[in-house]
């Protein structure tokens, strides 16, 4: 919904004044939710209220990156979940520092993922993660 609205804004098809009306209509059309005021509607989007347009796709990319990094971390630290249950996240923190943080802004995201995982960025790992989690959640 946000993406659709932002595309129309950037294309000049909507003005900022149109946002509340368009937001409310899409909420009704897509989710059957009647918005009673802007605080429940367009203003609940903290990114927009702060002027952060075009930000939402970053979440999707972040999830894809995270899925692939988690896949690699699970290979390197197979018992990480048991360690976290014991309150010990030291190996995860060390892995993140060694694999990700030390490289900081030296590599762009795609090169960083490839260097860490040995593979090009792929949605496969995030989708596998989701599938596994839903299987556990719904006993599939």
N, C-alpha and C. Protein backbone atom coordinates (compact mmCIF):
# COMPACT_ATOMS: atom_id res chain seq x y z
N UNK A 1 0.83 -1.18 0.00
CA UNK A 1 0.00 0.00 0.00
C UNK A 1 0.88 1.25 0.00
N UNK A 2 1.86 1.27 0.90
CA UNK A 2 2.77 2.42 0.93
C UNK A 2 3.50 2.58 -0.38
N UNK A 3 3.98 1.47 -0.90
CA UNK A 3 4.72 1.51 -2.15
C UNK A 3 3.86 2.09 -3.27
N UNK A 4 2.62 1.64 -3.35
CA UNK A 4 1.71 2.15 -4.38
C UNK A 4 1.51 3.66 -4.23
N UNK A 5 1.29 4.09 -3.02
CA UNK A 5 1.05 5.51 -2.77
C UNK A 5 2.31 6.32 -3.09
N UNK A 6 3.46 5.83 -2.66
CA UNK A 6 4.71 6.56 -2.92
C UNK A 6 4.98 6.66 -4.42
N UNK A 7 4.71 5.59 -5.16
CA UNK A 7 4.91 5.64 -6.61
C UNK A 7 4.06 6.74 -7.23
N UNK A 8 2.82 6.85 -6.80
CA UNK A 8 1.92 7.88 -7.33
C UNK A 8 2.37 9.27 -6.91
N UNK A 9 2.87 9.40 -5.69
CA UNK A 9 3.39 10.69 -5.23
C UNK A 9 4.57 11.13 -6.09
N UNK A 10 5.52 10.23 -6.28
CA UNK A 10 6.72 10.58 -7.04
C UNK A 10 6.42 10.81 -8.51
N UNK A 11 5.38 10.17 -9.01
CA UNK A 11 4.99 10.35 -10.41
C UNK A 11 4.18 11.63 -10.60
N UNK A 12 3.87 12.31 -9.50
CA UNK A 12 3.09 13.54 -9.59
C UNK A 12 1.59 13.31 -9.74
N UNK A 13 1.14 12.09 -9.52
CA UNK A 13 -0.28 11.76 -9.63
C UNK A 13 -1.05 12.06 -8.35
N UNK A 14 -0.32 12.26 -7.24
CA UNK A 14 -0.92 12.59 -5.94
C UNK A 14 -0.18 13.79 -5.36
N UNK A 15 -0.90 14.58 -4.59
CA UNK A 15 -0.24 15.63 -3.81
C UNK A 15 -0.20 15.18 -2.36
N UNK A 16 0.59 15.85 -1.55
CA UNK A 16 0.64 15.52 -0.12
C UNK A 16 -0.73 15.66 0.52
N UNK A 17 -1.51 16.62 0.05
CA UNK A 17 -2.84 16.81 0.60
C UNK A 17 -3.76 15.62 0.34
N UNK A 18 -3.44 14.82 -0.69
CA UNK A 18 -4.25 13.65 -1.04
C UNK A 18 -3.97 12.45 -0.14
N UNK A 19 -2.85 12.47 0.58
CA UNK A 19 -2.42 11.29 1.32
C UNK A 19 -3.47 10.73 2.28
N UNK A 20 -4.06 11.53 3.15
CA UNK A 20 -5.03 10.94 4.08
C UNK A 20 -6.19 10.24 3.38
N UNK A 21 -6.73 10.86 2.36
CA UNK A 21 -7.87 10.28 1.64
C UNK A 21 -7.47 8.97 0.94
N UNK A 22 -6.34 8.99 0.27
CA UNK A 22 -5.89 7.80 -0.46
C UNK A 22 -5.54 6.68 0.52
N UNK A 23 -4.84 7.02 1.59
CA UNK A 23 -4.50 6.02 2.62
C UNK A 23 -5.77 5.36 3.16
N UNK A 24 -6.73 6.19 3.54
CA UNK A 24 -7.97 5.67 4.13
C UNK A 24 -8.71 4.77 3.14
N UNK A 25 -8.74 5.17 1.88
CA UNK A 25 -9.45 4.36 0.89
C UNK A 25 -8.75 3.02 0.68
N UNK A 26 -7.45 3.03 0.62
CA UNK A 26 -6.72 1.77 0.42
C UNK A 26 -6.87 0.86 1.64
N UNK A 27 -6.89 1.43 2.84
CA UNK A 27 -7.12 0.61 4.04
C UNK A 27 -8.49 -0.06 3.97
N UNK A 28 -9.47 0.69 3.50
CA UNK A 28 -10.82 0.13 3.38
C UNK A 28 -10.86 -0.93 2.28
N UNK A 29 -10.29 -0.61 1.12
CA UNK A 29 -10.32 -1.53 -0.01
C UNK A 29 -9.54 -2.82 0.27
N UNK A 30 -8.34 -2.69 0.83
CA UNK A 30 -7.47 -3.85 1.01
C UNK A 30 -7.76 -4.64 2.27
N UNK A 31 -8.10 -3.93 3.35
CA UNK A 31 -8.22 -4.61 4.65
C UNK A 31 -9.60 -4.50 5.29
N UNK A 32 -10.49 -3.71 4.67
CA UNK A 32 -11.82 -3.54 5.24
C UNK A 32 -11.82 -2.71 6.50
N UNK A 33 -10.80 -1.88 6.69
CA UNK A 33 -10.67 -1.07 7.90
C UNK A 33 -11.09 0.36 7.60
N UNK A 34 -12.01 0.85 8.41
CA UNK A 34 -12.45 2.26 8.31
C UNK A 34 -11.56 3.09 9.22
N UNK A 35 -10.88 4.06 8.65
CA UNK A 35 -10.00 4.94 9.41
C UNK A 35 -10.80 6.15 9.87
N UNK A 36 -10.74 6.42 11.18
CA UNK A 36 -11.54 7.51 11.73
C UNK A 36 -10.81 8.84 11.81
N UNK A 37 -9.48 8.80 11.86
CA UNK A 37 -8.72 10.05 11.92
C UNK A 37 -7.32 9.81 11.39
N UNK A 38 -6.61 10.89 11.12
CA UNK A 38 -5.28 10.75 10.52
C UNK A 38 -4.28 10.06 11.44
N UNK A 39 -4.46 10.16 12.76
CA UNK A 39 -3.57 9.48 13.69
C UNK A 39 -3.67 7.96 13.53
N UNK A 40 -4.86 7.46 13.20
CA UNK A 40 -5.05 6.03 12.93
C UNK A 40 -4.66 5.70 11.50
N UNK A 41 -4.59 6.70 10.67
CA UNK A 41 -4.34 6.50 9.26
C UNK A 41 -2.94 6.88 8.86
N UNK A 42 -2.86 7.85 7.97
CA UNK A 42 -1.60 8.20 7.32
C UNK A 42 -0.52 8.61 8.31
N UNK A 43 -0.88 9.21 9.44
CA UNK A 43 0.13 9.66 10.40
C UNK A 43 0.72 8.53 11.23
N UNK A 44 0.12 7.34 11.19
CA UNK A 44 0.72 6.23 11.92
C UNK A 44 1.99 5.76 11.26
N UNK A 45 2.23 6.17 10.03
CA UNK A 45 3.45 5.80 9.34
C UNK A 45 4.56 6.75 9.77
N UNK A 46 5.41 6.30 10.66
CA UNK A 46 6.44 7.18 11.22
C UNK A 46 7.44 7.64 10.18
N UNK A 47 7.65 6.86 9.15
CA UNK A 47 8.59 7.27 8.11
C UNK A 47 8.07 8.49 7.37
N UNK A 48 6.81 8.49 7.04
CA UNK A 48 6.25 9.62 6.31
C UNK A 48 6.21 10.86 7.20
N UNK A 49 5.82 10.68 8.45
CA UNK A 49 5.74 11.82 9.35
C UNK A 49 7.11 12.49 9.50
N UNK A 50 8.17 11.70 9.37
CA UNK A 50 9.52 12.25 9.44
C UNK A 50 10.12 12.60 8.09
N UNK A 51 9.32 12.50 7.04
CA UNK A 51 9.81 12.83 5.69
C UNK A 51 10.58 11.70 5.03
N UNK A 52 10.46 10.49 5.54
CA UNK A 52 11.20 9.35 4.99
C UNK A 52 10.45 8.61 3.91
N UNK A 53 10.31 9.22 2.77
CA UNK A 53 9.64 8.56 1.65
C UNK A 53 10.61 7.63 0.94
N UNK A 54 10.07 6.59 0.33
CA UNK A 54 10.90 5.66 -0.43
C UNK A 54 11.69 4.70 0.44
N UNK A 55 11.36 4.63 1.70
CA UNK A 55 12.13 3.84 2.67
C UNK A 55 11.63 2.41 2.79
N UNK A 56 10.36 2.18 2.55
CA UNK A 56 9.74 0.89 2.86
C UNK A 56 10.41 -0.29 2.15
N UNK A 57 10.81 -0.19 0.89
CA UNK A 57 11.46 -1.35 0.25
C UNK A 57 12.74 -1.79 0.95
N UNK A 58 13.35 -0.91 1.73
CA UNK A 58 14.55 -1.30 2.47
C UNK A 58 14.28 -2.43 3.45
N UNK A 59 13.08 -2.49 3.99
CA UNK A 59 12.75 -3.57 4.90
C UNK A 59 12.80 -4.91 4.17
N UNK A 60 12.24 -4.95 2.99
CA UNK A 60 12.25 -6.20 2.21
C UNK A 60 13.68 -6.61 1.89
N UNK A 61 14.49 -5.66 1.46
CA UNK A 61 15.90 -5.97 1.17
C UNK A 61 16.62 -6.44 2.44
N UNK A 62 16.36 -5.78 3.54
CA UNK A 62 16.98 -6.18 4.80
C UNK A 62 16.62 -7.60 5.18
N UNK A 63 15.37 -7.98 4.98
CA UNK A 63 14.95 -9.34 5.28
C UNK A 63 15.67 -10.36 4.39
N UNK A 64 15.86 -10.00 3.12
CA UNK A 64 16.56 -10.89 2.20
C UNK A 64 18.02 -11.04 2.62
N UNK A 65 18.67 -9.91 2.93
CA UNK A 65 20.05 -9.97 3.42
C UNK A 65 20.13 -10.82 4.70
N UNK A 66 19.23 -10.54 5.63
CA UNK A 66 19.24 -11.24 6.91
C UNK A 66 19.06 -12.74 6.73
N UNK A 67 18.16 -13.13 5.83
CA UNK A 67 17.94 -14.55 5.59
C UNK A 67 19.20 -15.26 5.13
N UNK A 68 19.93 -14.61 4.24
CA UNK A 68 21.15 -15.22 3.73
C UNK A 68 22.27 -15.21 4.77
N UNK A 69 22.37 -14.12 5.54
CA UNK A 69 23.36 -14.08 6.62
C UNK A 69 23.05 -15.12 7.69
N UNK A 70 21.78 -15.28 8.03
CA UNK A 70 21.40 -16.29 9.02
C UNK A 70 21.77 -17.68 8.54
N UNK A 71 21.52 -17.95 7.28
CA UNK A 71 21.88 -19.24 6.69
C UNK A 71 23.37 -19.53 6.89
N UNK A 72 24.20 -18.54 6.61
CA UNK A 72 25.64 -18.71 6.76
C UNK A 72 26.04 -18.82 8.23
N UNK A 73 25.44 -17.99 9.08
CA UNK A 73 25.77 -18.04 10.49
C UNK A 73 25.40 -19.41 11.08
N UNK A 74 24.30 -19.98 10.64
CA UNK A 74 23.89 -21.29 11.14
C UNK A 74 24.89 -22.37 10.72
N UNK A 75 25.54 -22.19 9.58
CA UNK A 75 26.59 -23.13 9.19
C UNK A 75 27.82 -22.97 10.09
N UNK A 76 28.15 -21.73 10.40
CA UNK A 76 29.35 -21.45 11.20
C UNK A 76 29.13 -21.66 12.69
N UNK A 77 27.90 -21.44 13.17
CA UNK A 77 27.58 -21.61 14.60
C UNK A 77 26.29 -22.43 14.69
N UNK A 78 26.37 -23.73 14.46
CA UNK A 78 25.15 -24.55 14.39
C UNK A 78 24.31 -24.54 15.67
N UNK A 79 24.93 -24.35 16.83
CA UNK A 79 24.17 -24.41 18.09
C UNK A 79 23.85 -23.01 18.64
N UNK A 80 23.75 -22.01 17.79
CA UNK A 80 23.56 -20.64 18.26
C UNK A 80 22.26 -20.47 19.04
N UNK A 81 21.23 -21.17 18.65
CA UNK A 81 19.95 -21.03 19.36
C UNK A 81 20.05 -21.52 20.81
N UNK A 82 20.73 -22.63 21.01
CA UNK A 82 20.93 -23.15 22.37
C UNK A 82 21.73 -22.18 23.20
N UNK A 83 22.71 -21.54 22.58
CA UNK A 83 23.52 -20.55 23.31
C UNK A 83 22.66 -19.34 23.72
N UNK A 84 21.82 -18.90 22.81
CA UNK A 84 20.95 -17.75 23.13
C UNK A 84 19.99 -18.11 24.26
N UNK A 85 19.46 -19.32 24.24
CA UNK A 85 18.56 -19.76 25.31
C UNK A 85 19.23 -19.72 26.68
N UNK A 86 20.54 -19.91 26.68
CA UNK A 86 21.31 -19.84 27.92
C UNK A 86 21.72 -18.42 28.26
N UNK A 87 21.36 -17.48 27.41
CA UNK A 87 21.70 -16.08 27.65
C UNK A 87 23.07 -15.69 27.10
N UNK A 88 23.66 -16.55 26.30
CA UNK A 88 24.99 -16.29 25.75
C UNK A 88 24.89 -15.98 24.26
N UNK A 89 25.12 -14.74 23.93
CA UNK A 89 25.11 -14.36 22.51
C UNK A 89 26.51 -13.95 22.04
N UNK A 90 27.53 -14.29 22.81
CA UNK A 90 28.89 -13.83 22.52
C UNK A 90 29.41 -14.35 21.17
N UNK A 91 29.11 -15.60 20.82
CA UNK A 91 29.59 -16.11 19.54
C UNK A 91 28.88 -15.43 18.37
N UNK A 92 27.63 -15.10 18.55
CA UNK A 92 26.89 -14.38 17.50
C UNK A 92 27.47 -12.98 17.32
N UNK A 93 27.69 -12.30 18.42
CA UNK A 93 28.25 -10.95 18.35
C UNK A 93 29.62 -10.99 17.67
N UNK A 94 30.46 -11.95 18.06
CA UNK A 94 31.78 -12.07 17.45
C UNK A 94 31.65 -12.36 15.96
N UNK A 95 30.75 -13.25 15.60
CA UNK A 95 30.54 -13.58 14.18
C UNK A 95 30.12 -12.34 13.40
N UNK A 96 29.18 -11.58 13.94
CA UNK A 96 28.72 -10.36 13.27
C UNK A 96 29.85 -9.34 13.13
N UNK A 97 30.65 -9.18 14.18
CA UNK A 97 31.77 -8.23 14.11
C UNK A 97 32.77 -8.69 13.04
N UNK A 98 33.13 -9.97 13.09
CA UNK A 98 34.14 -10.48 12.15
C UNK A 98 33.64 -10.51 10.71
N UNK A 99 32.40 -10.91 10.53
CA UNK A 99 31.88 -11.11 9.18
C UNK A 99 31.28 -9.85 8.56
N UNK A 100 30.61 -9.04 9.37
CA UNK A 100 29.84 -7.92 8.83
C UNK A 100 30.40 -6.56 9.25
N UNK A 101 30.45 -6.31 10.54
CA UNK A 101 30.75 -4.97 11.03
C UNK A 101 32.13 -4.47 10.66
N UNK A 102 33.13 -5.35 10.69
CA UNK A 102 34.48 -4.90 10.37
C UNK A 102 34.61 -4.42 8.93
N UNK A 103 33.73 -4.91 8.09
CA UNK A 103 33.80 -4.51 6.68
C UNK A 103 33.05 -3.20 6.43
N UNK A 104 32.23 -2.85 7.42
CA UNK A 104 31.52 -1.58 7.40
C UNK A 104 31.09 -1.13 6.02
N UNK A 105 31.56 0.01 5.63
CA UNK A 105 31.19 0.59 4.35
C UNK A 105 32.23 0.33 3.27
N UNK A 106 33.11 -0.63 3.51
CA UNK A 106 34.15 -0.94 2.53
C UNK A 106 33.54 -1.60 1.30
N UNK A 107 32.57 -2.48 1.52
CA UNK A 107 31.91 -3.19 0.42
C UNK A 107 30.46 -2.76 0.34
N UNK A 108 29.90 -2.76 -0.85
CA UNK A 108 28.47 -2.52 -0.92
C UNK A 108 27.76 -3.80 -0.50
N UNK A 109 26.48 -3.70 -0.28
CA UNK A 109 25.73 -4.82 0.31
C UNK A 109 25.82 -6.09 -0.51
N UNK A 110 25.70 -5.99 -1.82
CA UNK A 110 25.74 -7.20 -2.65
C UNK A 110 27.11 -7.88 -2.59
N UNK A 111 28.16 -7.09 -2.63
CA UNK A 111 29.51 -7.67 -2.53
C UNK A 111 29.76 -8.24 -1.15
N UNK A 112 29.25 -7.60 -0.12
CA UNK A 112 29.41 -8.08 1.24
C UNK A 112 28.73 -9.44 1.41
N UNK A 113 27.51 -9.55 0.93
CA UNK A 113 26.79 -10.82 1.02
C UNK A 113 27.56 -11.92 0.30
N UNK A 114 28.04 -11.61 -0.87
CA UNK A 114 28.79 -12.63 -1.64
C UNK A 114 30.08 -13.01 -0.92
N UNK A 115 30.78 -12.04 -0.35
CA UNK A 115 32.01 -12.36 0.37
C UNK A 115 31.74 -13.23 1.59
N UNK A 116 30.69 -12.92 2.33
CA UNK A 116 30.39 -13.66 3.55
C UNK A 116 29.86 -15.05 3.25
N UNK A 117 28.92 -15.14 2.31
CA UNK A 117 28.21 -16.41 2.09
C UNK A 117 28.77 -17.22 0.93
N UNK A 118 29.56 -16.56 0.07
CA UNK A 118 30.07 -17.25 -1.12
C UNK A 118 29.04 -17.37 -2.22
N UNK A 119 27.92 -16.69 -2.05
CA UNK A 119 26.83 -16.78 -3.03
C UNK A 119 26.28 -15.40 -3.34
N UNK A 120 25.73 -15.26 -4.53
CA UNK A 120 25.03 -14.04 -4.90
C UNK A 120 23.80 -13.90 -4.02
N UNK A 121 23.35 -12.66 -3.83
CA UNK A 121 22.13 -12.43 -3.04
C UNK A 121 20.97 -13.19 -3.66
N UNK A 122 20.21 -13.85 -2.82
CA UNK A 122 19.07 -14.64 -3.28
C UNK A 122 17.95 -14.58 -2.25
N UNK A 123 16.73 -14.58 -2.72
CA UNK A 123 15.57 -14.63 -1.83
C UNK A 123 15.38 -16.02 -1.23
N UNK A 124 16.06 -17.01 -1.79
CA UNK A 124 15.89 -18.40 -1.37
C UNK A 124 16.02 -18.56 0.15
N UNK A 125 17.02 -17.95 0.73
CA UNK A 125 17.33 -18.17 2.14
C UNK A 125 16.27 -17.57 3.06
N UNK A 126 15.77 -16.40 2.70
CA UNK A 126 14.70 -15.80 3.49
C UNK A 126 13.41 -16.59 3.33
N UNK A 127 13.11 -17.02 2.12
CA UNK A 127 11.90 -17.81 1.89
C UNK A 127 11.99 -19.16 2.60
N UNK A 128 13.17 -19.78 2.59
CA UNK A 128 13.36 -21.03 3.34
C UNK A 128 13.14 -20.81 4.83
N UNK A 129 13.68 -19.71 5.34
CA UNK A 129 13.49 -19.37 6.76
C UNK A 129 11.99 -19.23 7.07
N UNK A 130 11.28 -18.46 6.26
CA UNK A 130 9.84 -18.29 6.50
C UNK A 130 9.10 -19.62 6.45
N UNK A 131 9.42 -20.41 5.46
CA UNK A 131 8.75 -21.71 5.32
C UNK A 131 9.00 -22.58 6.55
N UNK A 132 10.22 -22.62 7.03
CA UNK A 132 10.54 -23.41 8.22
C UNK A 132 9.82 -22.90 9.45
N UNK A 133 9.79 -21.59 9.63
CA UNK A 133 9.11 -21.02 10.79
C UNK A 133 7.62 -21.28 10.75
N UNK A 134 6.99 -21.15 9.58
CA UNK A 134 5.56 -21.40 9.47
C UNK A 134 5.25 -22.88 9.66
N UNK A 135 6.13 -23.75 9.19
CA UNK A 135 5.92 -25.18 9.42
C UNK A 135 5.89 -25.48 10.91
N UNK A 136 6.82 -24.89 11.67
CA UNK A 136 6.84 -25.10 13.12
C UNK A 136 5.60 -24.50 13.79
N UNK A 137 5.27 -23.29 13.37
CA UNK A 137 4.16 -22.57 13.99
C UNK A 137 2.84 -23.27 13.78
N UNK A 138 2.63 -23.80 12.56
CA UNK A 138 1.34 -24.40 12.22
C UNK A 138 1.40 -25.93 12.11
N UNK A 139 2.47 -26.52 12.61
CA UNK A 139 2.62 -27.98 12.57
C UNK A 139 2.36 -28.55 11.19
N UNK A 140 2.98 -27.98 10.20
CA UNK A 140 2.78 -28.45 8.80
C UNK A 140 3.77 -29.53 8.46
